[in-house]
Amino acid sequence: MRILLIEDDTVLGAAVRDQIAADGQSVDWVTRLDAAGDAMRATAYDLILLDLMLPDGRGIGFLKGLRARGEVTPVIILTALDQVSDRIEGLNAGADDYLVKPFDLAELSARIGSVARRYSGNPNPIVTHGPLEIDLAARSVQRDGRTVLLTAREWALFEAFLARPGQLLSKAQLEEKLYAFDNEVESNTIEVHVSRLRKKLGARVIETERGLGYRLGRA
């Protein structure tokens, strides 16, 4: 997934950013709502982590604006506001989850995974695909009962295919998933990682549509 983190606390923001990256996800971190708007106009995000008190405004207004425009990207609120009324306001504004500071980073990872699975249409963290058994929560894969080790980049790509079974994903869409791992994504990066996934998971696990992109195939 590619995640947008909107948080002005530099210590917490750095900790959350590092946690997301360690989980094998791509993250862009901004500290202001105007920067968040610019980021969303330039990039399609899979999930937003939103603080409610930003230097240039309240996150609630930003969230309401997103939903009023028909933006359906899932949003998890991260805030020190812990009153029941605050939670109700956030959820009624269109948030998918609400996490009160201070929070455990492992719990944040679990909440992100849970919300992402709900949006993909399958809240079950265990997915079976041919001989593959995939645990989305643990980010692990078994093939014919044996564990297959994937790098963070390989997992990021494989997860993108699992989230959109049967959908054709362009090279540019897949490159978006890897920006957190490198400052620049080389022209052949996707081809290299797709090749490695095929070797590890099965030659037909990813299908190529020449000149168009890739889709999840049979394992």
Protein backbone atom coordinates (compact mmCIF):
# COMPACT_ATOMS: atom_id res chain seq x y z
CA MET A 1 0.00 0.00 0.00
CA ARG A 2 0.97 3.62 -0.39
CA ILE A 3 -0.02 5.58 2.70
CA LEU A 4 -0.27 9.33 3.32
CA LEU A 5 0.67 10.34 6.87
CA ILE A 6 -0.56 13.79 7.96
CA GLU A 7 1.09 14.53 11.31
CA ASP A 8 2.90 17.63 12.59
CA ASP A 9 4.56 16.03 15.63
CA THR A 10 8.04 15.29 14.27
CA VAL A 11 8.91 12.63 16.85
CA LEU A 12 5.66 10.71 16.44
CA GLY A 13 5.63 11.24 12.69
CA ALA A 14 9.12 9.78 12.32
CA ALA A 15 8.18 6.78 14.49
CA VAL A 16 5.00 6.10 12.48
CA ARG A 17 6.85 6.54 9.18
CA ASP A 18 9.53 4.08 10.23
CA GLN A 19 6.95 1.57 11.46
CA ILE A 20 5.04 1.69 8.18
CA ALA A 21 8.24 1.29 6.16
CA ALA A 22 9.30 -1.65 8.36
CA ASP A 23 5.93 -3.25 7.60
CA GLY A 24 6.81 -3.13 3.90
CA GLN A 25 4.46 -0.27 3.03
CA SER A 26 5.21 2.94 1.17
CA VAL A 27 4.59 6.19 3.07
CA ASP A 28 4.62 9.92 2.31
CA TRP A 29 4.71 12.17 5.38
CA VAL A 30 3.43 15.76 5.43
CA THR A 31 2.90 18.11 8.37
CA ARG A 32 0.24 20.46 6.99
CA LEU A 33 -3.19 20.10 5.41
CA ASP A 34 -2.27 22.19 2.37
CA ALA A 35 0.68 19.85 1.70
CA ALA A 36 -1.67 16.88 2.13
CA GLY A 37 -3.99 18.29 -0.50
CA ASP A 38 -1.08 18.77 -2.91
CA ALA A 39 0.09 15.20 -2.27
CA MET A 40 -3.36 13.75 -2.94
CA ARG A 41 -3.66 15.65 -6.21
CA ALA A 42 -0.38 14.14 -7.35
CA THR A 43 -0.70 10.59 -6.01
CA ALA A 44 -3.39 7.95 -5.52
CA TYR A 45 -3.14 6.74 -1.92
CA ASP A 46 -4.49 3.50 -0.51
CA LEU A 47 -4.94 4.87 3.01
CA ILE A 48 -4.60 8.12 4.98
CA LEU A 49 -3.43 8.56 8.58
CA LEU A 50 -4.81 11.89 9.77
CA ASP A 51 -3.99 13.98 12.83
CA LEU A 52 -6.83 16.28 13.88
CA MET A 53 -4.87 19.32 15.05
CA LEU A 54 -2.59 20.65 12.30
CA PRO A 55 -0.81 24.02 12.04
CA ASP A 56 -3.11 25.18 9.24
CA GLY A 57 -6.43 23.77 10.39
CA ARG A 58 -8.42 20.88 11.84
CA GLY A 59 -8.29 17.45 10.32
CA ILE A 60 -12.05 17.03 10.71
CA GLY A 61 -12.70 19.77 8.15
CA PHE A 62 -10.17 18.20 5.79
CA LEU A 63 -11.87 14.80 6.15
CA LYS A 64 -15.34 16.22 5.60
CA GLY A 65 -14.07 17.93 2.45
CA LEU A 66 -12.69 14.64 1.13
CA ARG A 67 -15.96 12.81 1.69
CA ALA A 68 -18.02 15.68 0.25
CA ARG A 69 -15.99 15.36 -2.98
CA GLY A 70 -16.69 11.63 -3.12
CA GLU A 71 -13.17 10.61 -2.06
CA VAL A 72 -13.41 7.07 -0.67
CA THR A 73 -9.80 6.51 0.42
CA PRO A 74 -9.90 4.94 3.91
CA VAL A 75 -8.88 7.26 6.75
CA ILE A 76 -7.60 6.42 10.22
CA ILE A 77 -7.59 9.35 12.64
CA LEU A 78 -4.59 9.66 14.98
CA THR A 79 -5.24 12.17 17.74
CA ALA A 80 -4.82 13.11 21.38
CA LEU A 81 -8.52 14.04 21.55
CA ASP A 82 -9.92 11.15 23.57
CA GLN A 83 -13.45 12.21 24.47
CA VAL A 84 -16.31 10.05 23.26
CA SER A 85 -17.77 13.10 21.53
CA ASP A 86 -14.49 13.54 19.59
CA ARG A 87 -14.58 9.93 18.42
CA ILE A 88 -18.21 10.23 17.37
CA GLU A 89 -17.43 13.42 15.43
CA GLY A 90 -14.51 11.75 13.66
CA LEU A 91 -16.42 8.62 12.71
CA ASN A 92 -19.46 10.62 11.59
CA ALA A 93 -17.18 12.77 9.42
CA GLY A 94 -16.17 9.65 7.50
CA ALA A 95 -13.22 8.14 9.36
CA ASP A 96 -12.82 4.38 9.19
CA ASP A 97 -11.01 4.06 12.50
CA TYR A 98 -9.90 6.27 15.39
CA LEU A 99 -6.69 5.77 17.38
CA VAL A 100 -5.94 7.86 20.48
CA LYS A 101 -2.41 9.02 21.26
CA PRO A 102 -0.25 7.67 22.72
CA PHE A 103 -0.72 4.35 20.93
CA ASP A 104 1.34 1.23 20.37
CA LEU A 105 2.93 1.13 16.92
CA ALA A 106 2.13 -2.57 16.56
CA GLU A 107 -1.55 -1.76 17.15
CA LEU A 108 -1.36 0.90 14.45
CA SER A 109 0.02 -1.70 12.03
CA ALA A 110 -2.85 -4.03 12.90
CA ARG A 111 -5.44 -1.26 12.43
CA ILE A 112 -3.97 -0.36 9.03
CA GLY A 113 -4.14 -3.97 7.92
CA SER A 114 -7.68 -4.40 9.17
CA VAL A 115 -8.99 -1.29 7.41
CA ALA A 116 -7.16 -2.20 4.19
CA ARG A 117 -8.66 -5.70 4.18
CA ARG A 118 -12.16 -4.35 4.70
CA TYR A 119 -11.76 -2.04 1.72
CA SER A 120 -10.42 -4.85 -0.46
CA GLY A 121 -13.64 -6.76 0.26
CA ASN A 122 -12.04 -9.52 2.32
CA PRO A 123 -11.70 -8.86 6.06
CA ASN A 124 -10.16 -12.32 6.56
CA PRO A 125 -6.36 -11.98 6.89
CA ILE A 126 -5.82 -15.50 5.48
CA VAL A 127 -6.06 -15.72 1.68
CA THR A 128 -5.67 -18.87 -0.40
CA HIS A 129 -4.51 -18.58 -3.98
CA GLY A 130 -3.84 -21.93 -5.63
CA PRO A 131 -1.08 -23.64 -3.62
CA LEU A 132 -0.34 -20.37 -1.82
CA GLU A 133 -1.59 -19.54 1.66
CA ILE A 134 -1.08 -15.86 2.40
CA ASP A 135 -1.37 -14.30 5.84
CA LEU A 136 -1.97 -10.61 5.15
CA ALA A 137 -1.64 -9.64 8.81
CA ALA A 138 1.69 -11.43 9.32
CA ARG A 139 2.84 -10.66 5.76
CA SER A 140 3.86 -14.25 5.21
CA VAL A 141 3.40 -16.70 2.35
CA GLN A 142 3.44 -20.48 2.30
CA ARG A 143 3.61 -22.53 -0.88
CA ASP A 144 2.59 -26.17 -0.56
CA GLY A 145 3.08 -25.86 3.19
CA ARG A 146 6.56 -24.36 3.02
CA THR A 147 7.34 -20.76 3.94
CA VAL A 148 8.40 -18.48 1.10
CA LEU A 149 10.52 -15.51 2.11
CA LEU A 150 9.73 -12.25 0.32
CA THR A 151 11.66 -9.01 0.57
CA ALA A 152 9.80 -5.84 1.58
CA ARG A 153 9.66 -4.70 -2.04
CA GLU A 154 8.45 -8.07 -3.29
CA TRP A 155 5.73 -8.11 -0.64
CA ALA A 156 4.64 -4.56 -1.51
CA LEU A 157 4.13 -5.58 -5.14
CA PHE A 158 2.49 -8.91 -4.36
CA GLU A 159 0.11 -7.23 -1.93
CA ALA A 160 -0.89 -4.77 -4.65
CA PHE A 161 -1.93 -7.66 -6.90
CA LEU A 162 -3.77 -9.45 -4.06
CA ALA A 163 -5.76 -6.30 -3.29
CA ARG A 164 -6.99 -6.10 -6.91
CA PRO A 165 -7.41 -9.67 -8.18
CA GLY A 166 -7.98 -9.79 -11.92
CA GLN A 167 -7.34 -6.07 -12.34
CA LEU A 168 -4.63 -4.91 -14.72
CA LEU A 169 -2.04 -2.74 -12.98
CA SER A 170 0.20 -0.49 -15.03
CA LYS A 171 3.95 -0.27 -14.50
CA ALA A 172 3.46 3.28 -13.19
CA GLN A 173 0.90 2.11 -10.62
CA LEU A 174 3.29 -0.56 -9.39
CA GLU A 175 6.20 1.87 -9.24
CA GLU A 176 4.10 3.99 -6.85
CA LYS A 177 4.28 1.11 -4.35
CA LEU A 178 8.09 1.23 -4.26
CA TYR A 179 8.87 4.93 -3.86
CA ALA A 180 9.33 4.55 -0.11
CA PHE A 181 12.20 2.12 -0.61
CA ASP A 182 14.29 4.13 -3.07
CA ASN A 183 14.59 7.80 -3.90
CA GLU A 184 14.33 6.77 -7.54
CA VAL A 185 12.81 3.65 -9.05
CA GLU A 186 14.92 2.42 -11.95
CA SER A 187 13.26 1.65 -15.28
CA ASN A 188 13.59 -2.13 -14.94
CA THR A 189 12.74 -2.40 -11.22
CA ILE A 190 9.23 -3.76 -11.74
CA GLU A 191 10.38 -6.36 -14.26
CA VAL A 192 13.11 -7.54 -11.88
CA HIS A 193 10.76 -7.94 -8.91
CA VAL A 194 8.01 -9.58 -10.99
CA SER A 195 10.59 -12.09 -12.21
CA ARG A 196 11.64 -12.85 -8.63
CA LEU A 197 8.04 -13.28 -7.52
CA ARG A 198 7.45 -15.77 -10.32
CA LYS A 199 10.50 -17.78 -9.29
CA LYS A 200 9.40 -17.88 -5.67
CA LEU A 201 5.62 -18.23 -6.02
CA GLY A 202 5.07 -19.83 -9.42
CA ALA A 203 5.71 -18.96 -13.03
CA ARG A 204 2.07 -18.00 -13.65
CA VAL A 205 1.41 -16.07 -10.43
CA ILE A 206 1.69 -12.76 -12.32
CA GLU A 207 0.52 -12.39 -15.92
CA THR A 208 1.92 -9.81 -18.34
CA GLU A 209 -0.17 -7.83 -20.79
CA ARG A 210 2.45 -6.48 -23.17
CA GLY A 211 2.54 -2.70 -23.24
CA LEU A 212 -0.27 -2.47 -20.67
CA GLY A 213 0.84 -3.92 -17.35
CA TYR A 214 0.47 -6.92 -15.07
CA ARG A 215 -2.29 -8.78 -13.23
CA LEU A 216 -2.58 -11.55 -10.67
CA GLY A 217 -2.58 -14.91 -12.44
CA ARG A 218 -2.71 -18.51 -11.33
CA ALA A 219 -0.10 -19.59 -8.80
